[in-house]
PDB file of N, CA and C in Angstrom:
ATOM      1  N   MET A   1       2.073  -1.882 -13.025  1.00  0.00           N
ATOM      2  CA  MET A   1       2.302  -0.484 -13.343  1.00  0.00           C
ATOM      3  C   MET A   1       1.203   0.042 -14.256  1.00  0.00           C
ATOM      4  N   LEU A   2       0.861  -0.686 -15.294  1.00  0.00           N
ATOM      5  CA  LEU A   2      -0.194  -0.233 -16.194  1.00  0.00           C
ATOM      6  C   LEU A   2      -1.530  -0.118 -15.485  1.00  0.00           C
ATOM      7  N   GLU A   3      -1.754  -0.970 -14.478  1.00  0.00           N
ATOM      8  CA  GLU A   3      -3.000  -0.892 -13.737  1.00  0.00           C
ATOM      9  C   GLU A   3      -3.148   0.448 -13.031  1.00  0.00           C
ATOM     10  N   LYS A   4      -2.031   1.020 -12.583  1.00  0.00           N
ATOM     11  CA  LYS A   4      -2.074   2.344 -11.938  1.00  0.00           C
ATOM     12  C   LYS A   4      -2.436   3.424 -12.945  1.00  0.00           C
ATOM     13  N   LEU A   5      -1.878   3.318 -14.154  1.00  0.00           N
ATOM     14  CA  LEU A   5      -2.143   4.314 -15.190  1.00  0.00           C
ATOM     15  C   LEU A   5      -3.518   4.125 -15.823  1.00  0.00           C
ATOM     16  N   PHE A   6      -3.896   2.872 -16.037  1.00  0.00           N
ATOM     17  CA  PHE A   6      -5.157   2.548 -16.704  1.00  0.00           C
ATOM     18  C   PHE A   6      -5.951   1.577 -15.851  1.00  0.00           C
ATOM     19  N   PRO A   7      -6.635   2.064 -14.812  1.00  0.00           N
ATOM     20  CA  PRO A   7      -7.315   1.162 -13.893  1.00  0.00           C
ATOM     21  C   PRO A   7      -8.433   0.360 -14.545  1.00  0.00           C
ATOM     22  N   TRP A   8      -8.930   0.794 -15.676  1.00  0.00           N
ATOM     23  CA  TRP A   8     -10.010   0.082 -16.340  1.00  0.00           C
ATOM     24  C   TRP A   8      -9.516  -1.146 -17.104  1.00  0.00           C
ATOM     25  N   VAL A   9      -8.199  -1.310 -17.236  1.00  0.00           N
ATOM     26  CA  VAL A   9      -7.637  -2.412 -18.004  1.00  0.00           C
ATOM     27  C   VAL A   9      -7.815  -3.747 -17.276  1.00  0.00           C
ATOM     28  N   SER A  10      -7.618  -3.755 -15.980  1.00  0.00           N
ATOM     29  CA  SER A  10      -7.694  -5.009 -15.245  1.00  0.00           C
ATOM     30  C   SER A  10      -8.989  -5.069 -14.434  1.00  0.00           C
ATOM     31  N   PRO A  11      -9.585  -6.258 -14.356  1.00  0.00           N
ATOM     32  CA  PRO A  11     -10.813  -6.384 -13.572  1.00  0.00           C
ATOM     33  C   PRO A  11     -10.527  -6.179 -12.094  1.00  0.00           C
ATOM     34  N   VAL A  12     -11.464  -5.571 -11.390  1.00  0.00           N
ATOM     35  CA  VAL A  12     -11.299  -5.294  -9.969  1.00  0.00           C
ATOM     36  C   VAL A  12     -12.265  -6.192  -9.206  1.00  0.00           C
ATOM     37  N   ASN A  13     -11.724  -6.954  -8.264  1.00  0.00           N
ATOM     38  CA  ASN A  13     -12.617  -7.759  -7.450  1.00  0.00           C
ATOM     39  C   ASN A  13     -12.938  -7.018  -6.164  1.00  0.00           C
ATOM     40  N   SER A  14     -13.919  -7.478  -5.444  1.00  0.00           N
ATOM     41  CA  SER A  14     -14.375  -6.763  -4.255  1.00  0.00           C
ATOM     42  C   SER A  14     -13.302  -6.726  -3.167  1.00  0.00           C
ATOM     43  N   ARG A  15     -12.484  -7.752  -3.076  1.00  0.00           N
ATOM     44  CA  ARG A  15     -11.434  -7.759  -2.060  1.00  0.00           C
ATOM     45  C   ARG A  15     -10.409  -6.662  -2.323  1.00  0.00           C
ATOM     46  N   SER A  16      -9.947  -6.552  -3.563  1.00  0.00           N
ATOM     47  CA  SER A  16      -8.952  -5.526  -3.876  1.00  0.00           C
ATOM     48  C   SER A  16      -9.560  -4.132  -3.778  1.00  0.00           C
ATOM     49  N   GLU A  17     -10.821  -3.986  -4.127  1.00  0.00           N
ATOM     50  CA  GLU A  17     -11.497  -2.686  -4.001  1.00  0.00           C
ATOM     51  C   GLU A  17     -11.617  -2.296  -2.530  1.00  0.00           C
ATOM     52  N   ALA A  18     -11.956  -3.227  -1.672  1.00  0.00           N
ATOM     53  CA  ALA A  18     -12.054  -2.949  -0.236  1.00  0.00           C
ATOM     54  C   ALA A  18     -10.688  -2.568   0.328  1.00  0.00           C
ATOM     55  N   LYS A  19      -9.649  -3.246  -0.123  1.00  0.00           N
ATOM     56  CA  LYS A  19      -8.286  -2.935   0.318  1.00  0.00           C
ATOM     57  C   LYS A  19      -7.888  -1.527  -0.121  1.00  0.00           C
ATOM     58  N   ARG A  20      -8.230  -1.171  -1.369  1.00  0.00           N
ATOM     59  CA  ARG A  20      -7.924   0.164  -1.881  1.00  0.00           C
ATOM     60  C   ARG A  20      -8.638   1.237  -1.064  1.00  0.00           C
ATOM     61  N   ARG A  21      -9.906   1.010  -0.743  1.00  0.00           N
ATOM     62  CA  ARG A  21     -10.679   1.976   0.039  1.00  0.00           C
ATOM     63  C   ARG A  21     -10.126   2.122   1.450  1.00  0.00           C
ATOM     64  N   LEU A  22      -9.723   1.017   2.062  1.00  0.00           N
ATOM     65  CA  LEU A  22      -9.141   1.084   3.396  1.00  0.00           C
ATOM     66  C   LEU A  22      -7.843   1.878   3.379  1.00  0.00           C
ATOM     67  N   LYS A  23      -7.004   1.664   2.374  1.00  0.00           N
ATOM     68  CA  LYS A  23      -5.768   2.440   2.244  1.00  0.00           C
ATOM     69  C   LYS A  23      -6.073   3.930   2.111  1.00  0.00           C
ATOM     70  N   LEU A  24      -7.112   4.263   1.351  1.00  0.00           N
ATOM     71  CA  LEU A  24      -7.501   5.657   1.166  1.00  0.00           C
ATOM     72  C   LEU A  24      -7.941   6.273   2.491  1.00  0.00           C
ATOM     73  N   ILE A  25      -8.731   5.543   3.255  1.00  0.00           N
ATOM     74  CA  ILE A  25      -9.192   6.039   4.559  1.00  0.00           C
ATOM     75  C   ILE A  25      -8.010   6.248   5.497  1.00  0.00           C
ATOM     76  N   LEU A  26      -7.096   5.291   5.535  1.00  0.00           N
ATOM     77  CA  LEU A  26      -5.914   5.433   6.396  1.00  0.00           C
ATOM     78  C   LEU A  26      -5.052   6.619   5.978  1.00  0.00           C
ATOM     79  N   ALA A  27      -4.900   6.808   4.673  1.00  0.00           N
ATOM     80  CA  ALA A  27      -4.103   7.939   4.178  1.00  0.00           C
ATOM     81  C   ALA A  27      -4.747   9.258   4.566  1.00  0.00           C
ATOM     82  N   HIS A  28      -6.073   9.344   4.466  1.00  0.00           N
ATOM     83  CA  HIS A  28      -6.777  10.570   4.858  1.00  0.00           C
ATOM     84  C   HIS A  28      -6.540  10.858   6.335  1.00  0.00           C
ATOM     85  N   ASP A  29      -6.642   9.815   7.156  1.00  0.00           N
ATOM     86  CA  ASP A  29      -6.430   9.995   8.589  1.00  0.00           C
ATOM     87  C   ASP A  29      -5.014  10.462   8.893  1.00  0.00           C
ATOM     88  N   ARG A  30      -4.031   9.849   8.246  1.00  0.00           N
ATOM     89  CA  ARG A  30      -2.633  10.216   8.493  1.00  0.00           C
ATOM     90  C   ARG A  30      -2.328  11.625   8.028  1.00  0.00           C
ATOM     91  N   ALA A  31      -2.954  12.049   6.940  1.00  0.00           N
ATOM     92  CA  ALA A  31      -2.706  13.391   6.405  1.00  0.00           C
ATOM     93  C   ALA A  31      -3.512  14.450   7.145  1.00  0.00           C
ATOM     94  N   GLY A  32      -4.490  14.036   7.921  1.00  0.00           N
ATOM     95  CA  GLY A  32      -5.310  14.988   8.658  1.00  0.00           C
ATOM     96  C   GLY A  32      -6.311  15.721   7.781  1.00  0.00           C
ATOM     97  N   LEU A  33      -6.729  15.111   6.686  1.00  0.00           N
ATOM     98  CA  LEU A  33      -7.696  15.733   5.778  1.00  0.00           C
ATOM     99  C   LEU A  33      -9.072  15.117   5.982  1.00  0.00           C
ATOM    100  N   ASN A  34     -10.060  15.968   6.246  1.00  0.00           N
ATOM    101  CA  ASN A  34     -11.417  15.454   6.391  1.00  0.00           C
ATOM    102  C   ASN A  34     -12.108  15.414   5.028  1.00  0.00           C
ATOM    103  N   PRO A  35     -13.221  14.710   4.906  1.00  0.00           N
ATOM    104  CA  PRO A  35     -13.900  14.585   3.606  1.00  0.00           C
ATOM    105  C   PRO A  35     -14.308  15.927   2.989  1.00  0.00           C
ATOM    106  N   GLN A  36     -14.668  16.894   3.813  1.00  0.00           N
ATOM    107  CA  GLN A  36     -15.044  18.205   3.292  1.00  0.00           C
ATOM    108  C   GLN A  36     -13.857  18.897   2.638  1.00  0.00           C
ATOM    109  N   MET A  37     -12.690  18.778   3.249  1.00  0.00           N
ATOM    110  CA  MET A  37     -11.498  19.399   2.679  1.00  0.00           C
ATOM    111  C   MET A  37     -11.118  18.715   1.369  1.00  0.00           C
ATOM    112  N   ILE A  38     -11.227  17.386   1.330  1.00  0.00           N
ATOM    113  CA  ILE A  38     -10.923  16.646   0.096  1.00  0.00           C
ATOM    114  C   ILE A  38     -11.862  17.105  -1.018  1.00  0.00           C
ATOM    115  N   GLU A  39     -13.138  17.262  -0.717  1.00  0.00           N
ATOM    116  CA  GLU A  39     -14.104  17.694  -1.737  1.00  0.00           C
ATOM    117  C   GLU A  39     -13.815  19.123  -2.189  1.00  0.00           C
ATOM    118  N   LEU A  40     -13.429  20.002  -1.275  1.00  0.00           N
ATOM    119  CA  LEU A  40     -13.061  21.371  -1.628  1.00  0.00           C
ATOM    120  C   LEU A  40     -11.838  21.375  -2.545  1.00  0.00           C
ATOM    121  N   MET A  41     -10.849  20.560  -2.222  1.00  0.00           N
ATOM    122  CA  MET A  41      -9.655  20.456  -3.063  1.00  0.00           C
ATOM    123  C   MET A  41     -10.027  19.938  -4.446  1.00  0.00           C
ATOM    124  N   ARG A  42     -10.908  18.949  -4.500  1.00  0.00           N
ATOM    125  CA  ARG A  42     -11.350  18.378  -5.774  1.00  0.00           C
ATOM    126  C   ARG A  42     -12.006  19.453  -6.637  1.00  0.00           C
ATOM    127  N   ALA A  43     -12.889  20.249  -6.031  1.00  0.00           N
ATOM    128  CA  ALA A  43     -13.581  21.305  -6.770  1.00  0.00           C
ATOM    129  C   ALA A  43     -12.605  22.349  -7.297  1.00  0.00           C
ATOM    130  N   GLU A  44     -11.638  22.729  -6.478  1.00  0.00           N
ATOM    131  CA  GLU A  44     -10.670  23.739  -6.894  1.00  0.00           C
ATOM    132  C   GLU A  44      -9.754  23.209  -7.996  1.00  0.00           C
ATOM    133  N   ILE A  45      -9.334  21.954  -7.883  1.00  0.00           N
ATOM    134  CA  ILE A  45      -8.500  21.363  -8.927  1.00  0.00           C
ATOM    135  C   ILE A  45      -9.261  21.340 -10.244  1.00  0.00           C
ATOM    136  N   LEU A  46     -10.520  20.916 -10.194  1.00  0.00           N
ATOM    137  CA  LEU A  46     -11.347  20.892 -11.409  1.00  0.00           C
ATOM    138  C   LEU A  46     -11.481  22.280 -12.017  1.00  0.00           C
ATOM    139  N   GLU A  47     -11.694  23.279 -11.176  1.00  0.00           N
ATOM    140  CA  GLU A  47     -11.842  24.649 -11.658  1.00  0.00           C
ATOM    141  C   GLU A  47     -10.604  25.128 -12.403  1.00  0.00           C
ATOM    142  N   VAL A  48      -9.438  24.878 -11.850  1.00  0.00           N
ATOM    143  CA  VAL A  48      -8.192  25.322 -12.474  1.00  0.00           C
ATOM    144  C   VAL A  48      -7.925  24.566 -13.769  1.00  0.00           C
ATOM    145  N   VAL A  49      -8.060  23.252 -13.751  1.00  0.00           N
ATOM    146  CA  VAL A  49      -7.795  22.454 -14.944  1.00  0.00           C
ATOM    147  C   VAL A  49      -8.776  22.815 -16.061  1.00  0.00           C
ATOM    148  N   ALA A  50     -10.035  23.079 -15.700  1.00  0.00           N
ATOM    149  CA  ALA A  50     -11.065  23.400 -16.693  1.00  0.00           C
ATOM    150  C   ALA A  50     -10.808  24.730 -17.403  1.00  0.00           C
ATOM    151  N   ARG A  51      -9.942  25.564 -16.871  1.00  0.00           N
ATOM    152  CA  ARG A  51      -9.587  26.811 -17.559  1.00  0.00           C
ATOM    153  C   ARG A  51      -8.836  26.534 -18.859  1.00  0.00           C
ATOM    154  N   TYR A  52      -8.132  25.408 -18.907  1.00  0.00           N
ATOM    155  CA  TYR A  52      -7.238  25.120 -20.021  1.00  0.00           C
ATOM    156  C   TYR A  52      -7.701  23.981 -20.926  1.00  0.00           C
ATOM    157  N   VAL A  53      -8.454  23.048 -20.369  1.00  0.00           N
ATOM    158  CA  VAL A  53      -8.899  21.897 -21.146  1.00  0.00           C
ATOM    159  C   VAL A  53     -10.354  21.583 -20.806  1.00  0.00           C
ATOM    160  N   GLU A  54     -11.031  20.944 -21.751  1.00  0.00           N
ATOM    161  CA  GLU A  54     -12.386  20.469 -21.490  1.00  0.00           C
ATOM    162  C   GLU A  54     -12.266  19.120 -20.795  1.00  0.00           C
ATOM    163  N   ILE A  55     -12.915  19.014 -19.629  1.00  0.00           N
ATOM    164  CA  ILE A  55     -12.782  17.808 -18.826  1.00  0.00           C
ATOM    165  C   ILE A  55     -14.141  17.171 -18.566  1.00  0.00           C
ATOM    166  N   ASP A  56     -14.101  15.959 -18.052  1.00  0.00           N
ATOM    167  CA  ASP A  56     -15.300  15.260 -17.619  1.00  0.00           C
ATOM    168  C   ASP A  56     -15.242  15.181 -16.093  1.00  0.00           C
ATOM    169  N   PRO A  57     -15.885  16.126 -15.390  1.00  0.00           N
ATOM    170  CA  PRO A  57     -15.755  16.184 -13.932  1.00  0.00           C
ATOM    171  C   PRO A  57     -16.318  14.964 -13.215  1.00  0.00           C
ATOM    172  N   GLU A  58     -17.279  14.290 -13.807  1.00  0.00           N
ATOM    173  CA  GLU A  58     -17.866  13.109 -13.181  1.00  0.00           C
ATOM    174  C   GLU A  58     -16.900  11.934 -13.165  1.00  0.00           C
ATOM    175  N   GLU A  59     -15.936  11.933 -14.060  1.00  0.00           N
ATOM    176  CA  GLU A  59     -14.992  10.821 -14.161  1.00  0.00           C
ATOM    177  C   GLU A  59     -13.684  11.079 -13.415  1.00  0.00           C
ATOM    178  N   MET A  60     -13.558  12.252 -12.798  1.00  0.00           N
ATOM    179  CA  MET A  60     -12.330  12.560 -12.071  1.00  0.00           C
ATOM    180  C   MET A  60     -12.192  11.663 -10.846  1.00  0.00           C
ATOM    181  N   GLU A  61     -10.980  11.200 -10.618  1.00  0.00           N
ATOM    182  CA  GLU A  61     -10.666  10.412  -9.437  1.00  0.00           C
ATOM    183  C   GLU A  61      -9.581  11.132  -8.648  1.00  0.00           C
ATOM    184  N   LEU A  62      -9.815  11.303  -7.385  1.00  0.00           N
ATOM    185  CA  LEU A  62      -8.847  11.931  -6.493  1.00  0.00           C
ATOM    186  C   LEU A  62      -8.488  10.901  -5.439  1.00  0.00           C
ATOM    187  N   SER A  63      -7.204  10.621  -5.291  1.00  0.00           N
ATOM    188  CA  SER A  63      -6.803   9.642  -4.292  1.00  0.00           C
ATOM    189  C   SER A  63      -5.638  10.181  -3.473  1.00  0.00           C
ATOM    190  N   LEU A  64      -5.526   9.654  -2.294  1.00  0.00           N
ATOM    191  CA  LEU A  64      -4.485  10.061  -1.374  1.00  0.00           C
ATOM    192  C   LEU A  64      -3.804   8.796  -0.880  1.00  0.00           C
ATOM    193  N   GLU A  65      -2.495   8.734  -1.051  1.00  0.00           N
ATOM    194  CA  GLU A  65      -1.725   7.596  -0.563  1.00  0.00           C
ATOM    195  C   GLU A  65      -0.715   8.108   0.447  1.00  0.00           C
ATOM    196  N   SER A  66      -0.447   7.291   1.430  1.00  0.00           N
ATOM    197  CA  SER A  66       0.428   7.726   2.499  1.00  0.00           C
ATOM    198  C   SER A  66       1.251   6.562   3.026  1.00  0.00           C
ATOM    199  N   ASN A  67       2.454   6.886   3.456  1.00  0.00           N
ATOM    200  CA  ASN A  67       3.250   5.931   4.219  1.00  0.00           C
ATOM    201  C   ASN A  67       3.765   6.679   5.441  1.00  0.00           C
ATOM    202  N   GLU A  68       4.738   6.145   6.114  1.00  0.00           N
ATOM    203  CA  GLU A  68       5.215   6.774   7.347  1.00  0.00           C
ATOM    204  C   GLU A  68       5.858   8.138   7.107  1.00  0.00           C
ATOM    205  N   ARG A  69       6.394   8.361   5.911  1.00  0.00           N
ATOM    206  CA  ARG A  69       7.162   9.578   5.655  1.00  0.00           C
ATOM    207  C   ARG A  69       6.414  10.646   4.890  1.00  0.00           C
ATOM    208  N   ILE A  70       5.512  10.269   3.976  1.00  0.00           N
ATOM    209  CA  ILE A  70       4.948  11.254   3.066  1.00  0.00           C
ATOM    210  C   ILE A  70       3.539  10.856   2.628  1.00  0.00           C
ATOM    211  N   SER A  71       2.727  11.855   2.325  1.00  0.00           N
ATOM    212  CA  SER A  71       1.406  11.626   1.736  1.00  0.00           C
ATOM    213  C   SER A  71       1.429  12.172   0.320  1.00  0.00           C
ATOM    214  N   CYS A  72       0.717  11.503  -0.569  1.00  0.00           N
ATOM    215  CA  CYS A  72       0.706  11.884  -1.974  1.00  0.00           C
ATOM    216  C   CYS A  72      -0.732  11.997  -2.458  1.00  0.00           C
ATOM    217  N   LEU A  73      -1.095  13.145  -3.001  1.00  0.00           N
ATOM    218  CA  LEU A  73      -2.419  13.372  -3.574  1.00  0.00           C
ATOM    219  C   LEU A  73      -2.311  13.189  -5.077  1.00  0.00           C
ATOM    220  N   MET A  74      -3.160  12.326  -5.624  1.00  0.00           N
ATOM    221  CA  MET A  74      -3.128  12.063  -7.063  1.00  0.00           C
ATOM    222  C   MET A  74      -4.500  12.355  -7.654  1.00  0.00           C
ATOM    223  N   ALA A  75      -4.495  13.085  -8.767  1.00  0.00           N
ATOM    224  CA  ALA A  75      -5.736  13.404  -9.463  1.00  0.00           C
ATOM    225  C   ALA A  75      -5.697  12.786 -10.851  1.00  0.00           C
ATOM    226  N   ASN A  76      -6.720  12.029 -11.169  1.00  0.00           N
ATOM    227  CA  ASN A  76      -6.876  11.440 -12.493  1.00  0.00           C
ATOM    228  C   ASN A  76      -8.042  12.186 -13.141  1.00  0.00           C
ATOM    229  N   VAL A  77      -7.736  13.080 -14.094  1.00  0.00           N
ATOM    230  CA  VAL A  77      -8.744  13.934 -14.710  1.00  0.00           C
ATOM    231  C   VAL A  77      -8.807  13.638 -16.203  1.00  0.00           C
ATOM    232  N   PRO A  78      -9.865  12.955 -16.652  1.00  0.00           N
ATOM    233  CA  PRO A  78      -9.994  12.683 -18.086  1.00  0.00           C
ATOM    234  C   PRO A  78     -10.170  13.987 -18.876  1.00  0.00           C
ATOM    235  N   ILE A  79      -9.346  14.170 -19.893  1.00  0.00           N
ATOM    236  CA  ILE A  79      -9.385  15.383 -20.719  1.00  0.00           C
ATOM    237  C   ILE A  79     -10.056  15.049 -22.049  1.00  0.00           C
ATOM    238  N   ARG A  80     -11.095  15.802 -22.369  1.00  0.00           N
ATOM    239  CA  ARG A  80     -11.797  15.602 -23.642  1.00  0.00           C
ATOM    240  C   ARG A  80     -11.051  16.264 -24.787  1.00  0.00           C
ATOM    241  N   ARG A  81     -10.636  17.516 -24.570  1.00  0.00           N
ATOM    242  CA  ARG A  81      -9.880  18.240 -25.588  1.00  0.00           C
ATOM    243  C   ARG A  81      -9.255  19.482 -24.967  1.00  0.00           C
ATOM    244  N   VAL A  82      -8.224  20.001 -25.623  1.00  0.00           N
ATOM    245  CA  VAL A  82      -7.574  21.223 -25.183  1.00  0.00           C
ATOM    246  C   VAL A  82      -8.375  22.398 -25.720  1.00  0.00           C
ATOM    247  N   LYS A  83      -8.594  23.401 -24.878  1.00  0.00           N
ATOM    248  CA  LYS A  83      -9.333  24.585 -25.311  1.00  0.00           C
ATOM    249  C   LYS A  83      -8.446  25.483 -26.154  1.00  0.00           C
ATOM    250  N   ALA A  84      -9.065  26.194 -27.065  1.00  0.00           N
ATOM    251  CA  ALA A  84      -8.331  27.141 -27.899  1.00  0.00           C
ATOM    252  C   ALA A  84      -7.886  28.322 -27.058  1.00  0.00           C
ATOM    253  N   LYS A  85      -6.716  28.858 -27.355  1.00  0.00           N
ATOM    254  CA  LYS A  85      -6.224  30.027 -26.630  1.00  0.00           C
ATOM    255  C   LYS A  85      -7.051  31.238 -26.994  1.00  0.00           C
ATOM    256  N   GLY A  86      -7.189  32.126 -26.020  1.00  0.00           N
ATOM    257  CA  GLY A  86      -7.864  33.389 -26.322  1.00  0.00           C
ATOM    258  C   GLY A  86      -9.054  33.557 -25.597  1.00  0.00           C
TER     259      GLY A  86
END
């Protein structure tokens, strides 16, 4: 569970990384999302989140997981600080 929240905590070997990438590709195919659409969604998510907090866009991770019933889009956006209101 902690590995999902903090992926940097546990070492990643090439086998598990390849498995993760294959799952991502399969999820994209099942959801019918092409790479251009994923990148557009990533840009729009960053734009909205950046209105409220200072973020590190280079460190953002966007993943898509899918099973037979549902697809789930997850965004991991590192926040540097909350912006002042006004």
